[in-house]
Protein backbone atom coordinates (compact mmCIF):
# COMPACT_ATOMS: atom_id res chain seq x y z
CA MET A 1 -0.17 -0.04 0.05
CA GLN A 2 1.35 3.74 -0.93
CA PHE A 3 0.16 5.43 2.39
CA GLY A 4 1.14 8.53 1.57
CA LEU A 5 -1.04 8.60 -1.66
CA LEU A 6 -3.86 8.02 0.24
CA HIS A 7 -6.23 11.42 1.01
CA PRO A 8 -5.48 12.72 4.23
CA ALA A 9 -8.99 11.91 5.77
CA ASP A 10 -8.36 8.16 4.95
CA GLN A 11 -4.41 8.21 6.13
CA ILE A 12 -6.23 9.44 9.52
CA LEU A 13 -8.90 7.20 9.64
CA LEU A 14 -6.55 3.76 8.96
CA ILE A 15 -4.22 5.52 11.72
CA MET A 16 -6.62 5.94 14.08
CA GLU A 17 -8.38 2.70 13.53
CA ARG A 18 -5.04 0.93 14.50
CA ILE A 19 -3.98 3.26 17.60
CA TYR A 20 -7.68 2.38 19.23
CA ARG A 21 -7.78 -1.44 18.36
CA TYR A 22 -4.21 -1.73 19.82
CA GLY A 23 -5.54 -0.13 22.92
CA MET A 24 -3.59 3.23 22.68
CA THR A 25 -6.47 5.49 23.17
CA THR A 26 -9.83 5.77 24.36
CA THR A 27 -13.26 6.48 22.63
CA SER A 28 -12.85 9.95 23.64
CA GLY A 29 -9.23 10.18 23.96
CA GLY A 30 -6.50 10.96 21.40
CA ASN A 31 -6.41 12.98 18.33
CA LEU A 32 -4.50 12.83 15.06
CA SER A 33 -4.00 15.55 12.40
CA ILE A 34 -2.37 15.84 8.48
CA MET A 35 -0.99 19.38 7.04
CA ASP A 36 -1.42 19.26 3.30
CA ASP A 37 0.02 21.21 0.58
CA ASN A 38 -2.30 23.93 0.72
CA GLY A 39 -1.93 24.66 4.47
CA ASP A 40 -5.30 23.05 4.91
CA ILE A 41 -5.20 20.98 8.69
CA TRP A 42 -7.13 17.76 8.70
CA ILE A 43 -7.83 16.45 11.76
CA THR A 44 -10.04 14.26 14.01
CA PRO A 45 -13.31 15.54 15.24
CA ALA A 46 -14.09 16.55 18.81
CA GLY A 47 -17.02 14.15 20.65
CA VAL A 48 -17.08 11.47 18.13
CA ASP A 49 -16.72 7.72 18.99
CA LYS A 50 -12.47 6.88 17.96
CA GLY A 51 -13.67 3.14 17.63
CA ALA A 52 -16.12 4.31 14.90
CA LEU A 53 -14.63 7.35 12.96
CA THR A 54 -16.00 7.40 9.20
CA ARG A 55 -14.05 9.68 6.35
CA SER A 56 -17.07 12.17 6.78
CA ASP A 57 -16.10 12.66 10.51
CA ILE A 58 -12.49 14.03 9.67
CA VAL A 59 -12.62 17.97 9.77
CA CYS A 60 -10.83 20.19 7.59
CA VAL A 61 -9.79 23.48 9.24
CA LYS A 62 -8.62 26.20 6.50
CA PRO A 63 -5.67 28.59 6.66
CA ASP A 64 -8.06 31.54 7.25
CA GLY A 65 -10.12 29.41 10.20
CA GLU A 66 -13.01 28.26 7.97
CA ILE A 67 -13.87 24.92 9.24
CA VAL A 68 -15.20 22.31 6.72
CA GLY A 69 -17.10 19.24 7.93
CA ASN A 70 -19.90 17.50 9.92
CA HIS A 71 -18.42 18.34 13.30
CA LYS A 72 -16.01 20.96 15.43
CA PRO A 73 -12.52 19.83 15.30
CA SER A 74 -10.59 18.27 18.23
CA SER A 75 -10.51 20.47 21.24
CA GLU A 76 -6.79 20.09 21.12
CA PHE A 77 -6.46 21.42 17.83
CA PRO A 78 -4.95 24.77 19.11
CA PHE A 79 -2.07 22.58 19.70
CA HIS A 80 -1.55 20.93 16.64
CA GLN A 81 -1.72 24.22 14.51
CA LEU A 82 1.17 25.56 17.36
CA VAL A 83 3.17 22.70 16.07
CA TYR A 84 2.89 23.11 12.66
CA ARG A 85 3.56 26.88 12.91
CA THR A 86 6.45 26.02 15.14
CA ARG A 87 8.02 23.45 12.87
CA PRO A 88 7.05 24.19 8.91
CA ASP A 89 9.11 20.42 8.47
CA LEU A 90 6.56 18.60 10.29
CA LYS A 91 3.37 17.86 8.29
CA ALA A 92 1.57 15.48 10.80
CA VAL A 93 0.65 14.93 14.57
CA VAL A 94 -0.14 12.19 16.74
CA HIS A 95 -1.48 12.65 20.34
CA ALA A 96 -2.75 9.98 22.38
CA HIS A 97 -2.81 8.14 25.82
CA PRO A 98 -1.70 4.74 25.85
CA PRO A 99 -1.48 3.67 29.19
CA ALA A 100 2.09 2.51 29.53
CA LEU A 101 3.35 5.82 28.46
CA VAL A 102 0.65 7.63 30.73
CA ALA A 103 2.18 5.65 33.38
CA PHE A 104 5.58 7.62 32.42
CA SER A 105 3.88 10.67 32.12
CA ILE A 106 2.37 10.79 35.73
CA VAL A 107 6.07 9.86 37.28
CA ARG A 108 7.22 12.27 35.27
CA ARG A 109 9.90 9.84 33.15
CA ILE A 110 10.80 9.41 29.55
CA PRO A 111 10.93 5.79 28.35
CA ASP A 112 14.63 4.72 27.90
CA THR A 113 15.21 3.72 23.90
CA ARG A 114 18.72 2.57 24.82
CA LEU A 115 17.64 -0.77 25.84
CA LEU A 116 17.52 -1.96 22.36
CA PRO A 117 19.87 -1.28 19.17
CA ASN A 118 17.28 0.46 16.48
CA GLU A 119 14.55 2.44 18.89
CA GLY A 120 16.56 5.36 19.81
CA GLN A 121 17.42 5.96 16.17
CA LEU A 122 13.80 6.14 15.35
CA CYS A 123 12.24 8.07 18.20
CA GLY A 124 15.32 10.50 18.61
CA GLU A 125 15.68 12.83 21.60
CA ILE A 126 12.25 12.90 23.59
CA GLY A 127 11.54 15.99 25.76
CA MET A 128 8.68 16.58 28.44
CA ALA A 129 6.49 19.43 28.19
CA PRO A 130 5.09 20.91 31.71
CA TYR A 131 1.52 20.12 32.58
CA ALA A 132 -1.04 22.57 31.20
CA LEU A 133 -5.24 22.56 30.98
CA PRO A 134 -6.14 20.27 27.93
CA GLY A 135 -7.07 22.03 24.92
CA SER A 136 -5.55 25.87 26.50
CA VAL A 137 -3.42 27.76 24.99
CA GLN A 138 -1.02 27.30 27.61
CA LEU A 139 -0.58 23.42 26.75
CA GLY A 140 0.31 24.50 23.33
CA GLU A 141 3.07 26.96 24.16
CA ASN A 142 4.73 24.18 26.18
CA ILE A 143 4.71 21.22 23.33
CA ALA A 144 5.36 23.90 20.75
CA ALA A 145 8.79 24.85 22.84
CA VAL A 146 10.08 21.43 23.55
CA PHE A 147 9.39 21.08 19.48
CA ALA A 148 11.25 24.27 18.72
CA GLU A 149 14.46 22.40 20.26
CA GLY A 150 14.24 20.19 17.11
CA LYS A 151 12.52 17.12 18.57
CA HIS A 152 9.76 15.24 17.43
CA THR A 153 8.41 13.46 20.04
CA VAL A 154 7.14 15.27 23.76
CA MET A 155 6.20 13.38 26.86
CA LEU A 156 3.38 15.40 28.45
CA GLU A 157 3.23 15.63 32.37
CA ASN A 158 0.14 13.60 33.60
CA HIS A 159 -1.39 13.69 30.56
CA GLY A 160 0.29 11.30 27.28
CA VAL A 161 2.32 12.01 24.47
CA VAL A 162 2.52 14.27 21.03
CA VAL A 163 4.64 12.93 18.19
CA GLY A 164 5.22 15.16 14.89
CA GLY A 165 6.38 13.54 11.54
CA HIS A 166 7.06 14.21 8.00
CA THR A 167 4.24 12.11 7.33
CA LEU A 168 1.33 10.46 9.44
CA PHE A 169 2.99 7.17 8.97
CA ASP A 170 6.27 8.70 10.09
CA ALA A 171 4.86 9.74 13.60
CA PHE A 172 2.79 6.79 14.04
CA LYS A 173 5.97 4.47 13.88
CA ILE A 174 7.90 7.08 16.33
CA PHE A 175 4.64 6.68 18.26
CA GLU A 176 4.20 2.99 18.31
CA THR A 177 7.93 2.43 18.84
CA LEU A 178 7.98 4.84 21.98
CA ASP A 179 5.09 2.82 23.16
CA PHE A 180 6.45 -0.30 22.73
CA CYS A 181 9.82 0.63 24.36
CA ALA A 182 7.63 1.80 27.63
CA ARG A 183 5.61 -1.49 27.83
CA LEU A 184 8.88 -3.38 27.49
CA GLU A 185 11.00 -0.97 30.26
CA ILE A 186 7.83 -2.02 32.78
CA ASN A 187 7.97 -5.53 32.06
CA ALA A 188 11.82 -5.64 32.76
CA GLU A 189 11.32 -3.45 35.94
CA ARG A 190 8.65 -6.18 37.12
CA ILE A 191 11.56 -9.08 36.93
CA GLY A 192 14.84 -7.67 37.39
CA LYS A 193 17.05 -4.46 36.43
CA PRO A 194 16.93 -3.22 32.67
CA ILE A 195 20.42 -3.35 31.00
CA LEU A 196 21.36 -0.41 28.53
CA LEU A 197 23.29 -0.98 25.30
CA SER A 198 26.76 0.36 25.50
CA SER A 199 28.38 2.79 23.15
CA ARG A 200 30.48 0.05 21.77
CA GLU A 201 27.60 -2.18 21.03
CA PHE A 202 25.78 0.62 19.12
CA GLU A 203 28.87 0.96 16.99
CA LEU A 204 28.54 -2.54 16.25
CA VAL A 205 25.04 -2.00 14.96
CA ARG A 206 26.14 0.74 12.65
CA ALA A 207 28.68 -1.01 11.32
CA ASN A 208 26.53 -3.63 10.12
CA GLN A 209 23.37 -1.60 8.77
CA ASP A 210 23.74 -2.25 5.22
CA ILE A 211 25.50 -5.25 4.20
CA PRO A 212 24.73 -5.32 0.37
CA LEU A 213 23.67 -8.60 -1.50
CA ALA A 214 24.16 -9.33 -5.46
CA SER A 215 20.79 -9.48 -6.96
CA PHE A 216 19.08 -11.13 -9.48
CA VAL A 217 15.95 -11.48 -12.01
CA PRO A 218 13.45 -14.34 -10.89
CA GLN A 219 12.66 -16.51 -13.84
CA GLY A 220 9.12 -16.96 -12.81
CA HIS A 221 7.31 -17.76 -9.55
CA PRO A 222 6.55 -21.55 -9.29
CA THR A 223 3.12 -22.20 -7.42
CA ALA A 224 4.69 -23.39 -4.20
CA GLU A 225 6.41 -19.97 -3.90
CA ARG A 226 3.31 -18.56 -4.47
CA GLU A 227 1.60 -20.28 -1.86
CA ALA A 228 4.25 -19.55 0.78
CA ARG A 229 4.03 -15.77 -0.08
CA SER A 230 0.61 -15.92 0.59
CA GLU A 231 0.79 -17.89 3.91
CA MET A 232 3.95 -15.60 5.21
CA CYS A 233 1.63 -12.35 4.60
CA LYS A 234 -1.04 -13.84 6.83
CA LEU A 235 0.85 -14.89 9.52
CA ILE A 236 3.10 -11.62 9.34
CA ARG A 237 -0.02 -9.43 9.49
CA ARG A 238 -1.32 -11.71 12.35
CA SER A 239 2.00 -11.39 14.00
CA TYR A 240 1.32 -7.45 13.96
CA ASP A 241 -2.39 -7.78 15.31
CA GLN A 242 -0.94 -9.81 18.16
CA ARG A 243 1.46 -7.54 19.05
CA LEU A 244 4.44 -9.77 18.55
CA PHE A 245 5.93 -7.34 15.77
CA THR A 246 5.77 -3.49 15.37
CA SER A 247 5.35 -1.94 11.95
CA THR A 248 8.77 -1.78 11.20
CA GLN A 249 10.10 -4.75 13.07
CA GLY A 250 10.00 -8.45 12.95
CA THR A 251 11.17 -10.60 10.54
CA PHE A 252 9.96 -13.92 8.82
CA SER A 253 11.29 -16.19 6.60
CA GLN A 254 10.32 -19.80 4.76
CA ARG A 255 12.83 -21.92 2.74
CA LEU A 256 11.85 -22.75 -1.23
CA GLU A 257 13.54 -25.61 -2.92
CA GLY A 258 16.93 -25.26 -3.55
CA ASN A 259 19.36 -22.85 -2.02
CA SER A 260 16.45 -20.29 -1.88
CA PHE A 261 13.90 -18.77 0.80
CA LEU A 262 11.52 -15.92 1.13
CA ILE A 263 12.35 -13.50 3.78
CA THR A 264 10.15 -10.01 4.88
CA PRO A 265 11.64 -6.71 3.46
CA TYR A 266 13.53 -4.09 5.31
CA GLY A 267 11.69 -0.96 6.66
CA LEU A 268 8.06 -1.88 4.90
CA ASP A 269 4.96 -1.72 7.19
CA ARG A 270 4.31 -5.12 8.68
CA ASN A 271 0.38 -4.55 8.81
CA TYR A 272 0.02 -3.95 4.93
CA LEU A 273 2.80 -6.30 3.63
CA ASP A 274 1.48 -8.01 0.54
CA GLU A 275 3.05 -11.02 -1.39
CA GLY A 276 4.92 -8.54 -3.71
CA ASP A 277 6.60 -6.92 -1.02
CA LEU A 278 8.68 -10.55 0.31
CA VAL A 279 12.03 -10.80 -1.21
CA ARG A 280 13.53 -14.27 -2.59
CA ILE A 281 16.83 -14.96 -1.89
CA GLU A 282 18.80 -17.48 -4.19
CA ASN A 283 22.09 -18.73 -4.01
CA GLY A 284 23.03 -15.58 -1.44
CA GLN A 285 21.44 -13.12 -4.02
CA ALA A 286 18.54 -10.89 -3.55
CA GLU A 287 15.66 -10.20 -5.85
CA GLU A 288 16.33 -7.15 -7.92
CA GLY A 289 14.70 -4.06 -7.19
CA LYS A 290 14.15 -5.40 -3.30
CA ARG A 291 15.88 -4.78 0.44
CA PRO A 292 15.84 -8.05 2.45
CA SER A 293 15.59 -7.88 6.17
CA ARG A 294 18.95 -6.88 7.76
CA SER A 295 19.35 -10.19 9.44
CA VAL A 296 19.06 -12.36 5.83
CA HIS A 297 22.77 -13.61 6.49
CA LEU A 298 21.98 -15.06 9.73
CA HIS A 299 18.65 -16.72 8.01
CA GLN A 300 21.01 -17.99 5.46
CA ALA A 301 23.55 -19.47 7.87
CA ILE A 302 20.68 -21.46 9.67
CA TYR A 303 19.30 -22.84 6.52
CA ASP A 304 22.62 -23.88 5.34
CA ARG A 305 23.35 -25.98 8.79
CA HIS A 306 19.94 -27.53 9.91
CA PRO A 307 17.79 -29.26 6.96
CA HIS A 308 15.05 -30.04 9.68
CA ILE A 309 14.18 -25.87 10.08
CA ASN A 310 12.20 -24.75 7.19
CA SER A 311 11.25 -21.13 9.30
CA VAL A 312 12.88 -18.90 11.06
CA LEU A 313 11.37 -15.61 12.74
CA ILE A 314 13.10 -12.98 14.76
CA ALA A 315 11.01 -10.23 16.85
CA HIS A 316 11.14 -8.85 20.40
CA PRO A 317 7.71 -8.65 21.86
CA PRO A 318 7.64 -7.18 24.95
CA ASN A 319 6.99 -9.70 27.52
CA ILE A 320 10.07 -12.07 25.61
CA MET A 321 12.20 -9.16 25.81
CA ALA A 322 12.04 -8.32 29.50
CA PHE A 323 14.31 -11.56 30.10
CA ALA A 324 16.34 -10.28 27.00
CA VAL A 325 17.32 -7.13 28.49
CA THR A 326 17.59 -8.24 31.82
CA GLU A 327 19.54 -10.63 33.91
CA THR A 328 16.85 -12.88 34.50
CA VAL A 329 16.79 -16.29 33.35
CA PHE A 330 13.60 -17.35 31.64
CA ASP A 331 12.65 -21.13 32.52
CA SER A 332 10.02 -22.94 30.03
CA ARG A 333 8.89 -25.35 32.88
CA THR A 334 5.88 -23.61 33.69
CA ILE A 335 3.30 -25.74 31.82
CA PRO A 336 3.72 -28.81 29.59
CA GLU A 337 3.00 -26.90 26.46
CA SER A 338 5.60 -24.32 27.16
CA TYR A 339 8.78 -27.04 27.55
CA ILE A 340 7.05 -29.18 24.35
CA LEU A 341 7.53 -26.19 22.28
CA LEU A 342 10.28 -24.29 23.91
CA ARG A 343 12.39 -26.53 25.79
CA ARG A 344 15.98 -24.77 26.51
CA THR A 345 16.07 -21.19 26.05
CA PRO A 346 19.59 -20.21 26.02
CA LYS A 347 20.53 -16.40 26.05
CA LEU A 348 23.04 -15.31 23.77
CA PRO A 349 25.63 -12.33 23.99
CA PHE A 350 24.51 -9.36 21.98
CA SER A 351 27.14 -9.43 19.41
CA ALA A 352 25.57 -12.84 18.19
CA VAL A 353 23.55 -11.88 15.57
CA TYR A 354 26.32 -9.41 14.06
CA SER A 355 29.70 -10.92 14.54
CA GLU A 356 29.17 -14.26 14.62
CA PRO A 357 26.28 -15.63 12.30
CA ALA A 358 27.64 -18.91 11.67
CA GLN A 359 28.63 -19.71 15.02
CA THR A 360 24.88 -18.51 15.98
CA ALA A 361 23.40 -20.66 13.35
CA GLU A 362 25.13 -24.16 14.98
CA LEU A 363 22.91 -23.87 18.12
CA PHE A 364 19.60 -24.56 16.03
CA THR A 365 19.25 -28.02 16.71
CA LYS A 366 16.00 -30.26 17.34
CA ASP A 367 16.67 -29.93 20.86
CA ASN A 368 17.38 -25.94 20.93
CA PRO A 369 14.96 -24.12 18.84
CA ILE A 370 14.48 -21.15 20.20
CA ALA A 371 17.16 -18.33 21.81
CA PHE A 372 17.05 -14.94 23.15
CA VAL A 373 19.47 -12.37 22.00
CA SER A 374 20.59 -10.02 24.96
CA ASN A 375 19.16 -6.37 24.30
CA ASN A 376 18.28 -7.49 20.51
CA CYS A 377 15.52 -10.19 19.76
CA VAL A 378 14.24 -13.60 20.15
CA ILE A 379 15.04 -16.45 17.43
CA VAL A 380 12.59 -19.15 16.80
CA THR A 381 12.45 -21.94 14.37
CA GLY A 382 10.37 -24.48 13.12
CA SER A 383 9.55 -27.58 10.64
CA SER A 384 7.35 -24.97 9.14
CA LEU A 385 6.29 -21.37 9.19
CA LEU A 386 3.23 -22.34 11.57
CA MET A 387 5.37 -24.40 14.02
CA ALA A 388 7.62 -21.48 13.95
CA PHE A 389 5.11 -18.94 14.69
CA ASP A 390 3.17 -20.93 17.35
CA ARG A 391 6.58 -21.42 19.15
CA LEU A 392 6.81 -17.43 19.10
CA GLU A 393 3.17 -17.10 20.35
CA VAL A 394 3.92 -19.81 23.32
CA ALA A 395 6.94 -18.09 23.92
CA GLU A 396 5.54 -14.61 24.62
CA TYR A 397 2.80 -15.69 26.22
CA SER A 398 4.72 -17.81 28.71
CA ALA A 399 6.79 -14.73 29.32
CA LYS A 400 3.93 -13.02 30.15
CA SER A 401 2.58 -15.87 32.55
CA ILE A 402 5.80 -15.72 34.56
CA ILE A 403 6.20 -11.99 34.68
CA ASP A 404 2.31 -11.65 36.00
CA ALA A 405 3.12 -14.49 38.76
CA SER A 406 6.24 -12.92 40.02
CA SER A 407 3.77 -10.51 41.27
CA ILE A 408 1.37 -13.04 43.30
CA GLY A 409 4.05 -15.50 44.41
CA ARG A 410 6.86 -18.14 44.17
CA ILE A 411 7.04 -19.36 40.84
CA VAL A 412 6.83 -23.53 40.99
CA HIS A 413 8.66 -25.17 37.84
CA ILE A 414 7.66 -28.74 36.72
CA ASP A 415 10.36 -30.98 38.52
CA ASP A 416 12.84 -33.10 36.74
CA GLU A 417 11.00 -36.18 37.26
CA LYS A 418 7.74 -34.69 35.55
CA ILE A 419 10.09 -33.31 32.88
CA HIS A 420 11.35 -36.64 32.01
CA ASP A 421 7.65 -38.29 31.67
CA ILE A 422 7.02 -35.53 28.87
CA ASP A 423 10.43 -36.10 27.18
CA ILE A 424 9.16 -40.01 26.81
CA ALA A 425 5.43 -39.17 26.13
CA PHE A 426 6.29 -36.89 23.32
CA LYS A 427 9.16 -38.47 22.28
CA LEU A 428 11.77 -35.06 22.87
């Protein structure tokens, strides 16, 4: 989907639907706006259910103040207008009250984006605006003052967050990523002490950001490949709906015949991926005109070494990653399903996905289908795409159960004798 070519009202509808569906705002909370090339500001209306907006609900405010539409603009229109006046480079604003970001706003803290390698680069520096009455001129001035410093994101004391972007999707990506960081940090604090990445580790990331591949022109697309593309897109979108992926993070791959596989592209919105966006890798070369995920070399190394693996998933859901960004050990011996699908869950060093892909690939034996990478991701393998996806879901649900259990009592793991019985019964 070419999101930027949609009418501003349609863009606002699609993004508000995502924000509301994923519990990042309420029926009455939050507002989105776009300034178009004519200087018109398109904005969500005041007093209309955010869960049932239609195209005709979106309001247009002309540069001379004329209001076009069936409703009044959002009561917080003044600060949107002031942001655009302060920062002419910004063309869209997202404001909402996700619970995790509200939690930070009411303790007057900013989520730390240094727990993972790419979040800080996407979010940039984040400011904090002093509290003021919602809809007031003072609130607008407080927000605009922070944007005037060159920041794109402003936390509001006891309120929520405001994000500006060059496009609405740019603003949404920052908003979604910051909310993810907030949820991750809260989860990590519940089970241990979060560990931040070092300058050296960020240097390692920068050195491995763009490793080019030679390209090839596909000579057709066999039926099996077309089916694989369709199944991958369905599960990628489901991963997004399950909050296992964010719009820009999360990678699937699936083995094809010969020395080839399909993999998700770099940087495209996971919620709208279609079959043509996926990248075929063949004999170490990428499909011409497409940019594969930056983890492509690790996927290739795993397939080269393990014929039993037909799918690889890399993700960083907020419950699993609480264990990856702390020293707390994840133990799958919680319920039989978790142990059967996950078994051993080693934690690898941060550098494992960058400096040592071949050595890392060796780890994924039949007894070791999953691994956490410190401050980075979880890597999941399976004999099929569905098996790998199920394993990722079970890992995230198991991690959430352990985090929740830590608040109510001492965790009792399945003992060795019972684990032995499971091994025999399920031929593990």
